[in-house]
Protein backbone atom coordinates (compact mmCIF):
# COMPACT_ATOMS: atom_id res chain seq x y z
CA UNK A 1 -7.59 18.40 1.65
CA UNK A 2 -3.99 19.41 1.20
CA UNK A 3 -1.87 21.30 -1.25
CA UNK A 4 -2.68 24.63 -2.84
CA UNK A 5 -5.93 26.12 -1.56
CA UNK A 6 -5.21 29.84 -1.93
CA UNK A 7 -5.51 30.29 -5.66
CA UNK A 8 -9.19 31.21 -6.08
CA UNK A 9 -8.54 34.59 -7.72
CA UNK A 10 -5.95 33.26 -10.17
CA UNK A 11 -8.19 30.28 -10.95
CA UNK A 12 -11.16 32.57 -11.68
CA UNK A 13 -9.05 34.89 -13.85
CA UNK A 14 -7.61 32.04 -15.90
CA UNK A 15 -11.02 30.43 -16.26
CA UNK A 16 -12.46 33.72 -17.53
CA UNK A 17 -9.57 34.19 -19.96
CA UNK A 18 -9.97 30.62 -21.14
CA UNK A 19 -13.69 31.18 -21.76
CA UNK A 20 -12.92 34.32 -23.73
CA UNK A 21 -10.36 32.51 -25.89
CA UNK A 22 -12.81 29.70 -26.55
CA UNK A 23 -15.52 32.14 -27.58
CA UNK A 24 -13.25 33.93 -30.02
CA UNK A 25 -12.02 30.68 -31.47
CA UNK A 26 -15.53 29.33 -31.91
CA UNK A 27 -16.58 32.38 -33.91
CA UNK A 28 -13.94 31.62 -36.50
CA UNK A 29 -14.93 28.01 -37.04
CA UNK A 30 -16.75 26.82 -40.11
CA UNK A 31 -20.44 26.22 -39.48
CA UNK A 32 -20.15 22.54 -40.25
CA UNK A 33 -16.90 21.93 -38.29
CA UNK A 34 -17.34 19.29 -35.57
CA UNK A 35 -17.00 20.55 -32.01
CA UNK A 36 -13.73 19.61 -30.37
CA UNK A 37 -14.37 17.40 -27.33
CA UNK A 38 -13.53 19.11 -24.06
CA UNK A 39 -10.33 17.95 -22.39
CA UNK A 40 -10.79 15.86 -19.27
CA UNK A 41 -8.59 16.12 -16.23
CA UNK A 42 -6.36 13.03 -16.26
CA UNK A 43 -3.11 11.86 -14.67
CA UNK A 44 -0.84 9.23 -16.24
CA UNK A 45 2.03 9.08 -13.76
CA UNK A 46 4.06 10.95 -11.14
CA UNK A 47 7.79 11.49 -11.72
CA UNK A 48 9.58 10.84 -9.49
CA UNK A 49 7.33 8.23 -7.88
CA UNK A 50 8.58 9.17 -4.43
CA UNK A 51 10.95 11.21 -2.31
CA UNK A 52 12.99 11.20 0.88
CA UNK A 53 11.44 12.30 4.15
CA UNK A 54 12.23 15.74 5.56
CA UNK A 55 12.81 17.50 2.26
CA UNK A 56 11.24 19.04 -0.84
CA UNK A 57 11.16 17.62 -4.35
CA UNK A 58 9.79 18.81 -7.70
CA UNK A 59 7.28 16.28 -9.04
CA UNK A 60 6.25 16.28 -12.70
CA UNK A 61 2.73 14.98 -13.20
CA UNK A 62 2.08 13.73 -16.72
CA UNK A 63 -1.50 14.15 -17.85
CA UNK A 64 -4.00 16.73 -19.06
CA UNK A 65 -5.08 19.74 -17.02
CA UNK A 66 -7.89 21.78 -18.59
CA UNK A 67 -7.72 24.19 -15.66
CA UNK A 68 -4.55 25.13 -13.82
CA UNK A 69 -3.59 25.29 -11.02
CA UNK A 70 -5.19 22.23 -9.46
CA UNK A 71 -5.51 20.83 -5.95
CA UNK A 72 -4.19 17.64 -4.40
CA UNK A 73 -5.91 15.32 -1.94
CA UNK A 74 -3.98 12.60 -0.11
CA UNK A 75 -5.23 9.80 2.10
CA UNK A 76 -2.85 10.69 4.95
CA UNK A 77 -0.72 13.53 6.23
CA UNK A 78 2.99 14.02 5.71
CA UNK A 79 3.15 15.68 2.27
CA UNK A 80 2.17 19.14 1.03
CA UNK A 81 1.66 19.65 -2.70
CA UNK A 82 2.02 23.18 -4.11
CA UNK A 83 1.39 23.80 -7.85
CA UNK A 84 4.16 25.63 -9.69
CA UNK A 85 3.67 28.06 -12.56
CA UNK A 86 4.53 25.32 -15.05
CA UNK A 87 1.47 23.19 -15.74
CA UNK A 88 1.81 19.68 -14.32
CA UNK A 89 4.62 20.58 -11.93
CA UNK A 90 4.48 20.60 -8.11
CA UNK A 91 6.72 21.41 -5.20
CA UNK A 92 6.18 18.56 -2.74
CA UNK A 93 7.31 19.11 0.83
CA UNK A 94 7.70 15.88 2.81
CA UNK A 95 7.56 15.80 6.59
CA UNK A 96 9.98 13.84 8.74
CA UNK A 97 7.18 11.46 9.72
CA UNK A 98 5.80 11.16 6.18
CA UNK A 99 7.47 7.82 5.36
CA UNK A 100 5.46 5.16 3.54
CA UNK A 101 2.88 5.06 0.78
CA UNK A 102 0.58 8.01 0.04
CA UNK A 103 -2.47 7.74 -2.21
CA UNK A 104 -2.72 10.93 -4.24
CA UNK A 105 -5.70 12.32 -6.14
CA UNK A 106 -5.37 15.48 -8.24
CA UNK A 107 -8.57 17.46 -8.73
CA UNK A 108 -9.93 20.90 -9.50
CA UNK A 109 -13.33 22.44 -8.77
CA UNK A 110 -15.07 20.27 -11.38
CA UNK A 111 -13.23 16.99 -11.87
CA UNK A 112 -10.93 14.49 -10.22
CA UNK A 113 -8.27 12.21 -11.70
CA UNK A 114 -7.53 8.61 -10.84
CA UNK A 115 -5.54 7.69 -7.73
CA UNK A 116 -1.77 7.37 -7.91
CA UNK A 117 0.82 6.39 -5.33
CA UNK A 118 3.69 8.46 -3.97
CA UNK A 119 6.26 6.64 -1.80
CA UNK A 120 8.39 8.31 0.87
CA UNK A 121 11.65 6.72 2.01
CA UNK A 122 14.42 7.38 4.51
CA UNK A 123 17.60 7.85 2.42
CA UNK A 124 18.68 10.39 -0.23
CA UNK A 125 17.10 9.98 -3.67
CA UNK A 126 18.01 10.61 -7.28
CA UNK A 127 16.50 10.07 -10.71
CA UNK A 128 17.48 7.51 -13.31
CA UNK A 129 19.64 9.00 -16.08
CA UNK A 130 19.40 7.51 -19.57
CA UNK A 131 21.12 5.95 -21.40
CA UNK A 132 21.94 3.26 -18.86
CA UNK A 133 20.87 0.09 -20.66
CA UNK A 134 24.28 -0.97 -22.02
CA UNK A 135 26.13 -3.37 -19.67
CA UNK A 136 29.38 -1.48 -20.28
CA UNK A 137 27.81 1.95 -19.59
CA UNK A 138 25.69 1.80 -16.45
CA UNK A 139 24.64 4.94 -14.62
CA UNK A 140 27.42 5.52 -12.06
CA UNK A 141 26.27 5.68 -8.43
CA UNK A 142 28.93 7.36 -6.33
CA UNK A 143 27.21 7.78 -2.97
CA UNK A 144 25.35 5.21 -0.87
CA UNK A 145 22.77 4.79 0.55
CA UNK A 146 20.46 6.01 -2.19
CA UNK A 147 17.03 5.34 -3.67
CA UNK A 148 16.84 5.69 -7.46
CA UNK A 149 13.53 6.54 -9.11
CA UNK A 150 13.46 4.81 -12.48
CA UNK A 151 11.15 3.78 -15.32
CA UNK A 152 11.41 0.80 -17.66
CA UNK A 153 10.13 3.09 -20.37
CA UNK A 154 9.90 0.70 -23.31
CA UNK A 155 9.72 -3.01 -24.08
CA UNK A 156 13.11 -4.66 -23.70
CA UNK A 157 14.43 -1.93 -21.37
CA UNK A 158 17.16 -2.97 -18.92
CA UNK A 159 18.48 -0.32 -16.51
CA UNK A 160 21.98 -0.65 -15.07
CA UNK A 161 23.69 1.10 -12.14
CA UNK A 162 27.41 0.93 -11.43
CA UNK A 163 28.48 0.62 -7.77
CA UNK A 164 32.04 0.48 -6.47
CA UNK A 165 32.41 -2.22 -3.79
CA UNK A 166 35.33 -3.31 -1.64
CA UNK A 167 36.03 -6.98 -1.02
CA UNK A 168 33.99 -8.12 1.97
CA UNK A 169 31.39 -5.34 1.71
CA UNK A 170 27.72 -6.35 1.79
CA UNK A 171 25.42 -4.62 -0.68
CA UNK A 172 21.66 -4.65 -0.16
CA UNK A 173 19.72 -3.91 -3.35
CA UNK A 174 15.91 -3.76 -3.15
CA UNK A 175 13.35 -2.93 -5.82
CA UNK A 176 9.98 -1.46 -4.89
CA UNK A 177 7.69 -1.55 -7.94
CA UNK A 178 4.62 -3.77 -7.71
CA UNK A 179 4.36 -2.97 -4.00
CA UNK A 180 4.90 0.72 -3.27
CA UNK A 181 4.32 2.46 -6.64
CA UNK A 182 1.79 -0.25 -7.66
CA UNK A 183 3.41 -0.65 -11.09
CA UNK A 184 2.15 -3.51 -13.33
CA UNK A 185 5.66 -4.95 -13.15
CA UNK A 186 7.17 -8.25 -12.02
CA UNK A 187 10.72 -6.97 -11.63
CA UNK A 188 13.98 -8.91 -11.84
CA UNK A 189 17.12 -7.76 -10.02
CA UNK A 190 20.68 -8.82 -10.84
CA UNK A 191 24.23 -8.08 -9.77
CA UNK A 192 26.86 -8.65 -12.46
CA UNK A 193 30.57 -7.96 -12.68
CA UNK A 194 32.19 -5.43 -15.01
CA UNK A 195 32.27 -8.04 -17.82
CA UNK A 196 28.60 -8.95 -17.40
CA UNK A 197 29.11 -12.21 -15.49
CA UNK A 198 26.24 -13.11 -13.15
CA UNK A 199 26.96 -12.81 -9.43
CA UNK A 200 23.44 -12.74 -7.94
CA UNK A 201 19.84 -12.77 -9.17
CA UNK A 202 16.42 -12.49 -7.51
CA UNK A 203 12.83 -12.32 -8.74
CA UNK A 204 10.36 -12.42 -5.85
CA UNK A 205 11.69 -11.71 -2.37
CA UNK A 206 8.69 -9.65 -1.21
CA UNK A 207 5.67 -10.55 -3.27
CA UNK A 208 6.66 -9.69 -6.85
CA UNK A 209 9.42 -7.29 -5.76
CA UNK A 210 13.03 -8.58 -5.65
CA UNK A 211 15.79 -8.01 -3.12
CA UNK A 212 19.45 -9.11 -3.12
CA UNK A 213 21.89 -9.24 -0.22
CA UNK A 214 25.29 -9.63 -1.88
CA UNK A 215 28.76 -9.89 -0.29
CA UNK A 216 31.53 -8.82 -2.65
CA UNK A 217 34.43 -11.24 -3.00
CA UNK A 218 36.64 -8.74 -4.79
CA UNK A 219 37.00 -4.99 -5.04
CA UNK A 220 35.83 -3.14 -8.13
CA UNK A 221 32.81 -1.96 -10.05
CA UNK A 222 29.66 -4.06 -9.80
CA UNK A 223 26.55 -3.46 -11.89
CA UNK A 224 23.03 -3.72 -10.51
CA UNK A 225 20.49 -4.34 -13.28
CA UNK A 226 16.70 -3.98 -13.25
CA UNK A 227 14.27 -5.34 -15.83
CA UNK A 228 10.98 -7.18 -15.67
CA UNK A 229 7.87 -8.85 -17.02
CA UNK A 230 4.16 -7.97 -16.83
CA UNK A 231 2.75 -8.57 -13.35
CA UNK A 232 -0.32 -10.02 -15.04
CA UNK A 233 1.07 -12.55 -17.54
CA UNK A 234 0.05 -11.96 -21.15
CA UNK A 235 1.31 -12.82 -24.62
CA UNK A 236 4.34 -10.54 -24.28
CA UNK A 237 7.58 -12.30 -25.25
CA UNK A 238 10.55 -10.47 -23.82
CA UNK A 239 11.09 -7.84 -21.19
CA UNK A 240 8.16 -5.58 -20.40
CA UNK A 241 8.16 -1.79 -20.47
CA UNK A 242 5.88 1.23 -20.51
CA UNK A 243 5.26 4.65 -19.04
CA UNK A 244 3.67 3.07 -15.96
CA UNK A 245 6.61 0.68 -15.26
CA UNK A 246 7.88 2.79 -12.37
CA UNK A 247 10.29 1.41 -9.81
CA UNK A 248 12.34 2.55 -6.83
CA UNK A 249 15.72 0.88 -6.38
CA UNK A 250 17.41 1.24 -2.98
CA UNK A 251 21.14 0.54 -2.75
CA UNK A 252 23.13 0.53 0.48
CA UNK A 253 26.23 -0.94 2.05
CA UNK A 254 24.97 0.25 5.42
CA UNK A 255 21.93 -0.62 7.49
CA UNK A 256 18.75 -1.95 5.89
CA UNK A 257 15.57 -2.79 7.87
CA UNK A 258 13.51 -5.71 6.54
CA UNK A 259 11.13 -6.35 9.44
CA UNK A 260 10.27 -5.42 13.01
CA UNK A 261 9.35 -7.38 16.11
CA UNK A 262 6.57 -7.32 16.98
CA UNK A 263 5.15 -7.02 13.44
CA UNK A 264 1.98 -5.15 14.46
CA UNK A 265 0.98 -2.06 16.43
CA UNK A 266 -1.80 -1.74 18.99
CA UNK A 267 -4.71 0.61 18.37
CA UNK A 268 -4.22 2.15 21.82
CA UNK A 269 -1.09 3.24 23.63
CA UNK A 270 2.43 2.80 22.31
CA UNK A 271 4.03 -0.33 20.85
CA UNK A 272 7.82 -0.59 21.02
CA UNK A 273 9.36 -2.39 18.03
CA UNK A 274 12.91 -3.50 17.31
CA UNK A 275 14.50 -3.71 13.86
CA UNK A 276 15.62 -6.80 11.95
CA UNK A 277 17.80 -6.40 8.89
CA UNK A 278 21.34 -6.29 7.56
CA UNK A 279 24.36 -4.25 8.70
CA UNK A 280 22.25 -2.46 11.30
CA UNK A 281 24.11 0.08 13.46
CA UNK A 282 25.15 -1.17 16.88
CA UNK A 283 22.75 -0.08 19.58
CA UNK A 284 19.94 0.81 17.17
CA UNK A 285 17.20 2.11 19.46
CA UNK A 286 13.86 0.45 19.96
CA UNK A 287 11.23 2.50 18.14
CA UNK A 288 8.05 3.56 19.99
CA UNK A 289 5.06 3.66 17.61
CA UNK A 290 1.57 5.05 18.17
CA UNK A 291 -1.33 4.18 15.91
CA UNK A 292 -2.59 6.87 13.49
CA UNK A 293 -6.26 7.09 12.44
CA UNK A 294 -5.68 4.66 9.55
CA UNK A 295 -4.97 0.94 9.33
CA UNK A 296 -1.18 1.04 8.84
CA UNK A 297 1.88 2.40 10.65
CA UNK A 298 5.12 2.85 8.70
CA UNK A 299 8.15 1.98 10.79
CA UNK A 300 11.36 3.81 9.83
CA UNK A 301 14.62 4.05 11.76
CA UNK A 302 16.66 7.28 11.40
CA UNK A 303 19.58 6.99 9.01
CA UNK A 304 18.74 3.40 8.02
CA UNK A 305 17.30 2.31 4.67
CA UNK A 306 14.06 0.36 4.56
CA UNK A 307 10.52 1.23 5.65
CA UNK A 308 8.26 -1.47 7.12
CA UNK A 309 4.44 -1.33 6.99
CA UNK A 310 2.78 -2.61 10.18
CA UNK A 311 -0.95 -3.24 10.61
CA UNK A 312 -2.83 -1.52 13.40
CA UNK A 313 -4.72 -4.12 15.44
CA UNK A 314 -7.43 -3.88 18.08
CA UNK A 315 -6.07 -2.92 21.47
CA UNK A 316 -7.07 -6.21 23.06
CA UNK A 317 -5.08 -8.29 20.56
CA UNK A 318 -1.78 -7.75 22.37
CA UNK A 319 0.95 -7.51 19.69
CA UNK A 320 3.87 -9.61 20.92
CA UNK A 321 7.03 -11.18 19.59
CA UNK A 322 6.88 -14.99 19.54
CA UNK A 323 7.45 -16.03 23.17
CA UNK A 324 9.61 -18.85 24.51
CA UNK A 325 8.05 -22.30 24.24
CA UNK A 326 7.36 -22.31 27.99
CA UNK A 327 5.26 -19.12 27.98
CA UNK A 328 1.48 -19.44 27.72
CA UNK A 329 -0.68 -16.57 26.44
CA UNK A 330 -4.43 -16.19 26.12
CA UNK A 331 -6.17 -15.07 22.93
CA UNK A 332 -6.83 -12.60 21.47
CA UNK A 333 -3.28 -12.03 20.31
CA UNK A 334 -1.08 -11.15 17.35
CA UNK A 335 2.26 -12.93 17.73
CA UNK A 336 5.14 -12.37 15.32
CA UNK A 337 8.47 -14.08 14.94
CA UNK A 338 11.58 -14.30 12.80
CA UNK A 339 13.19 -17.44 11.39
CA UNK A 340 16.91 -17.10 12.17
CA UNK A 341 18.03 -20.69 11.45
CA UNK A 342 17.27 -23.26 8.76
CA UNK A 343 14.17 -25.37 9.48
CA UNK A 344 13.68 -23.50 12.75
CA UNK A 345 10.30 -24.07 14.43
CA UNK A 346 8.83 -21.26 16.52
CA UNK A 347 6.23 -22.20 19.12
CA UNK A 348 3.43 -20.06 20.52
CA UNK A 349 1.57 -21.66 23.41
CA UNK A 350 -2.00 -20.57 24.08
CA UNK A 351 -4.61 -21.28 26.74
CA UNK A 352 -7.99 -22.03 25.12
CA UNK A 353 -11.43 -23.12 26.24
CA UNK A 354 -13.66 -25.87 24.94
CA UNK A 355 -16.50 -24.85 22.61
CA UNK A 356 -15.18 -21.29 22.25
CA UNK A 357 -14.22 -21.13 18.56
CA UNK A 358 -11.09 -19.23 17.54
CA UNK A 359 -10.14 -17.64 14.23
CA UNK A 360 -6.55 -18.54 13.34
CA UNK A 361 -4.44 -17.09 10.53
CA UNK A 362 -0.77 -16.73 9.66
CA UNK A 363 0.73 -14.11 7.34
CA UNK A 364 4.17 -14.08 5.74
CA UNK A 365 4.83 -14.05 1.98
CA UNK A 366 1.71 -12.03 1.20
CA UNK A 367 2.71 -9.19 3.54
CA UNK A 368 6.30 -8.61 2.45
CA UNK A 369 8.05 -11.54 4.12
CA UNK A 370 10.47 -13.84 2.31
CA UNK A 371 9.09 -16.78 4.30
CA UNK A 372 6.30 -19.15 3.36
CA UNK A 373 4.93 -19.84 6.80
CA UNK A 374 2.82 -22.82 7.87
CA UNK A 375 1.29 -23.60 11.26
CA UNK A 376 0.32 -26.76 13.08
CA UNK A 377 -1.79 -26.80 16.26
CA UNK A 378 -1.42 -29.68 18.70
CA UNK A 379 -2.78 -30.43 22.14
CA UNK A 380 -1.03 -32.12 25.04
CA UNK A 381 -1.66 -35.54 23.49
CA UNK A 382 0.41 -34.52 20.46
CA UNK A 383 -2.24 -35.02 17.76
CA UNK A 384 -2.44 -32.44 14.97
CA UNK A 385 -5.69 -30.46 15.25
CA UNK A 386 -5.24 -27.79 12.55
CA UNK A 387 -2.67 -27.18 9.81
CA UNK A 388 -2.61 -24.23 7.40
CA UNK A 389 -0.25 -21.96 5.50
CA UNK A 390 -0.04 -18.23 4.89
CA UNK A 391 -1.69 -18.74 1.50
CA UNK A 392 -4.86 -20.05 3.18
CA UNK A 393 -7.70 -17.86 4.41
CA UNK A 394 -8.27 -17.56 8.17
CA UNK A 395 -9.61 -20.81 9.66
CA UNK A 396 -12.24 -21.19 12.38
CA UNK A 397 -11.04 -23.73 14.95
CA UNK A 398 -12.82 -24.97 18.06
CA UNK A 399 -10.62 -26.36 20.84
CA UNK A 400 -11.83 -29.85 21.82
CA UNK A 401 -11.19 -29.24 25.53
CA UNK A 402 -10.01 -26.65 28.03
CA UNK A 403 -6.24 -26.55 28.19
CA UNK A 404 -2.97 -25.53 26.60
CA UNK A 405 -2.22 -25.84 22.90
CA UNK A 406 1.04 -25.43 21.00
CA UNK A 407 1.01 -23.57 17.69
CA UNK A 408 4.20 -24.45 15.81
CA UNK A 409 5.18 -22.11 12.97
CA UNK A 410 7.73 -23.12 10.29
CA UNK A 411 9.05 -21.79 7.02
CA UNK A 412 7.88 -24.41 4.50
CA UNK A 413 11.02 -23.90 2.41
CA UNK A 414 13.42 -23.91 5.34
CA UNK A 415 14.42 -20.31 4.69
CA UNK A 416 15.78 -17.97 7.31
CA UNK A 417 17.26 -14.51 7.75
CA UNK A 418 16.16 -10.94 8.56
CA UNK A 419 13.45 -10.91 5.87
CA UNK A 420 11.83 -14.18 7.00
CA UNK A 421 9.17 -13.05 9.47
CA UNK A 422 5.60 -14.17 10.17
CA UNK A 423 2.53 -12.78 11.89
CA UNK A 424 0.15 -15.15 13.70
CA UNK A 425 -3.34 -13.97 14.69
CA UNK A 426 -5.58 -15.83 17.12
CA UNK A 427 -8.87 -14.16 18.02
CA UNK A 428 -12.40 -15.17 18.93
CA UNK A 429 -14.28 -16.41 15.88
CA UNK A 430 -17.36 -14.25 15.39
CA UNK A 431 -19.76 -13.36 12.63
CA UNK A 432 -18.50 -10.42 10.58
CA UNK A 433 -19.38 -8.30 7.59
CA UNK A 434 -17.35 -6.87 4.70
CA UNK A 435 -18.62 -4.28 2.23
CA UNK A 436 -16.84 -3.16 -0.93
CA UNK A 437 -17.39 -1.06 -4.04
CA UNK A 438 -15.39 -1.63 -7.23
CA UNK A 439 -15.04 2.07 -8.02
CA UNK A 440 -13.37 4.76 -5.93
CA UNK A 441 -14.63 7.61 -8.15
CA UNK A 442 -18.22 8.37 -9.22
CA UNK A 443 -19.65 11.35 -11.10
CA UNK A 444 -22.99 13.02 -11.68
CA UNK A 445 -24.79 16.30 -12.33
CA UNK A 446 -26.66 18.69 -10.09
CA UNK A 447 -30.30 17.68 -9.93
CA UNK A 448 -29.52 14.05 -10.77
CA UNK A 449 -28.67 10.89 -8.91
CA UNK A 450 -25.57 8.70 -8.61
CA UNK A 451 -25.79 4.97 -7.98
CA UNK A 452 -23.22 3.46 -5.64
CA UNK A 453 -23.32 -0.37 -5.89
CA UNK A 454 -22.04 -2.10 -2.74
CA UNK A 455 -21.11 -5.78 -2.53
CA UNK A 456 -21.92 -7.36 0.85
CA UNK A 457 -19.97 -10.35 2.14
CA UNK A 458 -21.43 -12.10 5.20
CA UNK A 459 -18.60 -13.84 7.02
CA UNK A 460 -18.89 -16.71 9.47
CA UNK A 461 -22.65 -16.70 9.60
CA UNK A 462 -23.57 -13.01 9.86
CA UNK A 463 -27.37 -13.21 9.93
CA UNK A 464 -28.49 -9.69 10.71
CA UNK A 465 -29.87 -7.05 8.36
CA UNK A 466 -27.48 -4.17 7.69
CA UNK A 467 -28.31 -0.57 6.85
CA UNK A 468 -25.97 1.54 4.70
CA UNK A 469 -25.90 5.29 5.38
CA UNK A 470 -23.82 8.32 4.43
CA UNK A 471 -21.39 9.54 7.10
CA UNK A 472 -21.47 13.34 7.63
CA UNK A 473 -22.39 14.22 4.02
CA UNK A 474 -21.90 17.79 2.77
CA UNK A 475 -24.82 20.12 2.13
CA UNK A 476 -26.68 19.15 -1.02
CA UNK A 477 -25.69 15.47 -1.04
CA UNK A 478 -28.22 13.08 0.49
CA UNK A 479 -29.15 9.41 0.30
CA UNK A 480 -31.93 7.38 1.81
CA UNK A 481 -30.55 4.49 3.86
CA UNK A 482 -30.64 1.14 2.07
CA UNK A 483 -30.95 -2.19 3.87
CA UNK A 484 -29.20 -5.45 3.07
CA UNK A 485 -31.61 -8.16 4.20
CA UNK A 486 -30.59 -11.53 5.59
CA UNK A 487 -32.01 -13.33 2.55
CA UNK A 488 -32.64 -12.51 -1.07
CA UNK A 489 -30.73 -10.45 -3.61
CA UNK A 490 -29.97 -7.61 -1.20
CA UNK A 491 -28.15 -10.01 1.14
CA UNK A 492 -25.20 -9.88 -1.28
CA UNK A 493 -25.57 -6.55 -3.03
CA UNK A 494 -27.30 -3.20 -2.49
CA UNK A 495 -27.28 0.13 -4.29
CA UNK A 496 -27.08 3.38 -2.35
CA UNK A 497 -28.53 6.20 -4.48
CA UNK A 498 -26.97 9.62 -3.93
CA UNK A 499 -29.17 12.64 -4.63
CA UNK A 500 -27.16 15.65 -5.79
CA UNK A 501 -28.88 18.98 -5.17
CA UNK A 502 -25.65 21.00 -5.27
CA UNK A 503 -22.19 20.89 -6.86
CA UNK A 504 -19.60 18.92 -4.92
CA UNK A 505 -16.14 17.52 -5.56
CA UNK A 506 -14.64 15.56 -2.69
CA UNK A 507 -14.55 12.37 -0.59
CA UNK A 508 -17.55 10.71 1.04
CA UNK A 509 -17.78 7.81 3.47
CA UNK A 510 -20.51 5.20 3.88
CA UNK A 511 -21.02 3.13 7.03
CA UNK A 512 -22.82 -0.15 7.59
CA UNK A 513 -24.85 -0.28 10.80
CA UNK A 514 -27.72 -2.14 12.40
CA UNK A 515 -31.01 -0.73 11.10
CA UNK A 516 -33.07 1.94 12.82
CA UNK A 517 -33.71 1.35 16.49
CA UNK A 518 -31.86 -1.96 16.77
CA UNK A 519 -29.56 -2.30 19.75
CA UNK A 520 -26.13 -0.92 18.91
CA UNK A 521 -27.44 0.85 15.79
CA UNK A 522 -25.30 3.92 16.46
CA UNK A 523 -22.09 1.85 16.21
CA UNK A 524 -21.02 1.00 12.63
CA UNK A 525 -20.35 -2.68 12.01
CA UNK A 526 -18.29 -2.02 8.87
CA UNK A 527 -16.91 0.74 6.68
CA UNK A 528 -17.36 0.41 2.93
CA UNK A 529 -14.02 0.06 1.08
CA UNK A 530 -13.56 1.39 -2.46
CA UNK A 531 -11.51 0.44 -5.52
CA UNK A 532 -8.24 -1.43 -5.72
CA UNK A 533 -6.75 0.62 -2.90
CA UNK A 534 -9.59 -0.29 -0.51
CA UNK A 535 -9.86 3.29 0.73
CA UNK A 536 -12.57 4.07 3.30
CA UNK A 537 -13.89 6.94 1.14
CA UNK A 538 -15.26 7.30 -2.38
CA UNK A 539 -14.62 10.43 -4.44
CA UNK A 540 -17.81 12.07 -5.69
CA UNK A 541 -17.79 14.72 -8.44
CA UNK A 542 -21.09 16.57 -9.01
CA UNK A 543 -21.04 19.29 -11.65
CA UNK A 544 -23.73 21.76 -12.78
């Protein structure tokens, strides 16, 4: 846990004072007056939704706080949250290596609020200043690079930012909304001239988040505008808005990183990655990255805008940049490449064995690439053996004979440029297991029980029973192991029942393993993932 931990005495004093006030107030109520429901700890949003690395920012948390100060838990290191005297306000110190997305949960000794995201970038930041929705009166931006934390606060809201450009300058404008802050927003990004004439427009460069690379043809003020629609289409007619429509707009005429090669990091050792982007400084150093305990590394280059999330892969998968067509590599591997020319094919040659099935997948558009990648596998005779796109699930493929095979990767739309990367994974196809729970927060009372329903997905023929157990539970929280059998109802769903003998408010983990004395029982075969964020822990609140 992080944040403010040394406030026990103040917390106790305020709680006692609060109890006294409540008692006095209750004495003055009419006998038949209905009791006022107790306030629940709740968080609506964080403002700003992020900050720059290596600095401190004041974050206003909108919500209700029955008891103050509160504590803050985050899913990774890099930020320290300290409550201020003003309720709902925090000093947030961000470490140099804190770039990327942080999942934040605010809690006290009794309750916990829902998860929210806090995004850390690499360039100076500022807040949106209203009014800025009139085309003739945008918010002036005098210094670049910058990341602006904004909100499309109401329906029909359009935010504008005025930037002075010289003829020949290249402006990169990128919105992070549906991705980083997880806003329910399908944003639109535009560049217009001082009279409102369209110069550039983008909707979905990286998933639902837009990005524009614009070269000015004349000197003068240019206006960057942000508006949007609901990320989940509904009956709304017109531009969408709301308190949760948070966005982060990065503007720069300098370097911007859109991808790295390779586009993955090994679980062991150090992986050296190089940057791909626009207007990158000459001689930008190769960045050595080591894997943290989690599933993602955030690649950031000093003084350059743009932060790139990279998956951490098993050590044996050998993250590589797409090799020359003459090179031959053996699976398992994770190969990544960048389309630099229109209709450019990239070829990865592998050595495979007959009757040893492989699991093949390609990622692009769904992981922040502007490309829509497709692959085609052919043997020496030239016949197509497997074709798939990045929108398809991983495919099990069995080579028909020992030998070399060419995997050709293309952008289906013929796109190219720094943002058009792909990631190709080729590993042995094996039975696997996935376990998930819809909720990331459960509650109960001391002396009671809490049911934790777990969905079990048996992949590629997993036909073993699986036992679900608590991992290092705190004193007072126990659960009998529950087994998912090969057949029957429990094959797809089980319920782990937590027994709460003592108060507790914190994260718990559940592992899936082979039952009892089975060979390899001590090694978990899966970790249960919770909620929309797929965290490896569930928050459990047990109150007296």
